[in-house]
Amino acid sequence: MWHDPIVEELHKQGRELAAKFNYDVHALGRYYQERQKLENRPVVSRKPRLIKDSQTIHQKSTMHSALNE
């Protein structure tokens, strides 16, 4: 298998950062938002979107699961 040293380094840094925050995705998100503020970058926050038709979503999920069996 071919290994790209740049990709390997990015993965290594990602693992180290995840470990630093005890694999807490919310803490990691807050960390990145704080970095954005310090670097005068826009922080994007959006309201949650409601699912209009949860039955359709469930049907698609069930259908997808059945196809993968």
C-alpha atoms as a PDB file:
ATOM      1  CA  MET A   1       0.000   0.000   0.000  1.00  0.00           C
ATOM      2  CA  TRP A   2       1.247   3.470  -0.919  1.00  0.00           C
ATOM      3  CA  HIS A   3       1.819   5.953   1.923  1.00  0.00           C
ATOM      4  CA  ASP A   4       1.931   9.711   1.496  1.00  0.00           C
ATOM      5  CA  PRO A   5       4.147  11.270   4.183  1.00  0.00           C
ATOM      6  CA  ILE A   6       2.091  14.479   4.208  1.00  0.00           C
ATOM      7  CA  VAL A   7      -1.170  12.584   4.756  1.00  0.00           C
ATOM      8  CA  GLU A   8       0.510  10.462   7.418  1.00  0.00           C
ATOM      9  CA  GLU A   9       1.642  13.621   9.241  1.00  0.00           C
ATOM     10  CA  LEU A  10      -1.860  15.127   9.079  1.00  0.00           C
ATOM     11  CA  HIS A  11      -3.353  11.930  10.492  1.00  0.00           C
ATOM     12  CA  LYS A  12      -0.749  11.875  13.246  1.00  0.00           C
ATOM     13  CA  GLN A  13      -1.512  15.475  14.217  1.00  0.00           C
ATOM     14  CA  GLY A  14      -5.240  14.745  14.150  1.00  0.00           C
ATOM     15  CA  ARG A  15      -4.795  11.764  16.477  1.00  0.00           C
ATOM     16  CA  GLU A  16      -2.651  13.813  18.854  1.00  0.00           C
ATOM     17  CA  LEU A  17      -5.180  16.657  18.948  1.00  0.00           C
ATOM     18  CA  ALA A  18      -8.072  14.246  19.495  1.00  0.00           C
ATOM     19  CA  ALA A  19      -6.171  12.627  22.376  1.00  0.00           C
ATOM     20  CA  LYS A  20      -5.434  16.061  23.868  1.00  0.00           C
ATOM     21  CA  PHE A  21      -9.194  16.641  24.148  1.00  0.00           C
ATOM     22  CA  ASN A  22      -9.883  13.085  25.318  1.00  0.00           C
ATOM     23  CA  TYR A  23     -11.702  12.373  22.023  1.00  0.00           C
ATOM     24  CA  ASP A  24     -14.474  14.833  22.993  1.00  0.00           C
ATOM     25  CA  VAL A  25     -15.793  16.233  19.718  1.00  0.00           C
ATOM     26  CA  HIS A  26     -17.574  19.111  21.483  1.00  0.00           C
ATOM     27  CA  ALA A  27     -14.392  20.216  23.253  1.00  0.00           C
ATOM     28  CA  LEU A  28     -12.516  19.982  19.966  1.00  0.00           C
ATOM     29  CA  GLY A  29     -15.167  22.113  18.276  1.00  0.00           C
ATOM     30  CA  ARG A  30     -14.891  24.756  21.007  1.00  0.00           C
ATOM     31  CA  TYR A  31     -11.110  24.720  20.595  1.00  0.00           C
ATOM     32  CA  TYR A  32     -11.408  25.413  16.871  1.00  0.00           C
ATOM     33  CA  GLN A  33     -13.995  28.145  17.435  1.00  0.00           C
ATOM     34  CA  GLU A  34     -11.667  29.871  19.903  1.00  0.00           C
ATOM     35  CA  ARG A  35      -8.823  29.643  17.390  1.00  0.00           C
ATOM     36  CA  GLN A  36     -11.064  31.204  14.751  1.00  0.00           C
ATOM     37  CA  LYS A  37     -11.875  34.101  17.080  1.00  0.00           C
ATOM     38  CA  LEU A  38      -8.205  34.680  17.930  1.00  0.00           C
ATOM     39  CA  GLU A  39      -7.302  34.688  14.239  1.00  0.00           C
ATOM     40  CA  ASN A  40     -10.193  37.042  13.367  1.00  0.00           C
ATOM     41  CA  ARG A  41     -11.888  34.377  11.288  1.00  0.00           C
ATOM     42  CA  PRO A  42     -15.659  34.156  11.089  1.00  0.00           C
ATOM     43  CA  VAL A  43     -17.252  31.636  13.414  1.00  0.00           C
ATOM     44  CA  VAL A  44     -20.153  29.925  11.724  1.00  0.00           C
ATOM     45  CA  SER A  45     -23.054  28.904  13.891  1.00  0.00           C
ATOM     46  CA  ARG A  46     -26.324  27.787  12.425  1.00  0.00           C
ATOM     47  CA  LYS A  47     -29.652  26.907  13.905  1.00  0.00           C
ATOM     48  CA  PRO A  48     -30.498  23.193  13.842  1.00  0.00           C
ATOM     49  CA  ARG A  49     -32.642  22.209  10.901  1.00  0.00           C
ATOM     50  CA  LEU A  50     -35.769  20.202  11.541  1.00  0.00           C
ATOM     51  CA  ILE A  51     -36.413  17.071   9.538  1.00  0.00           C
ATOM     52  CA  LYS A  52     -39.670  17.683   7.717  1.00  0.00           C
ATOM     53  CA  ASP A  53     -40.533  14.090   6.922  1.00  0.00           C
ATOM     54  CA  SER A  54     -38.920  11.636   9.330  1.00  0.00           C
ATOM     55  CA  GLN A  55     -40.901   8.717   7.840  1.00  0.00           C
ATOM     56  CA  THR A  56     -39.187   9.202   4.461  1.00  0.00           C
ATOM     57  CA  ILE A  57     -35.784   9.299   6.172  1.00  0.00           C
ATOM     58  CA  HIS A  58     -36.600   6.089   8.059  1.00  0.00           C
ATOM     59  CA  GLN A  59     -37.723   4.364   4.863  1.00  0.00           C
ATOM     60  CA  LYS A  60     -34.536   5.362   3.043  1.00  0.00           C
ATOM     61  CA  SER A  61     -32.427   4.160   5.973  1.00  0.00           C
ATOM     62  CA  THR A  62     -34.276   0.835   6.112  1.00  0.00           C
ATOM     63  CA  MET A  63     -34.001   0.389   2.367  1.00  0.00           C
ATOM     64  CA  HIS A  64     -30.266   1.173   2.462  1.00  0.00           C
ATOM     65  CA  SER A  65     -29.719  -1.331   5.286  1.00  0.00           C
ATOM     66  CA  ALA A  66     -31.599  -4.036   3.389  1.00  0.00           C
ATOM     67  CA  LEU A  67     -29.478  -3.463   0.262  1.00  0.00           C
ATOM     68  CA  ASN A  68     -26.248  -3.831   2.215  1.00  0.00           C
ATOM     69  CA  GLU A  69     -27.146  -7.204   3.744  1.00  0.00           C
END
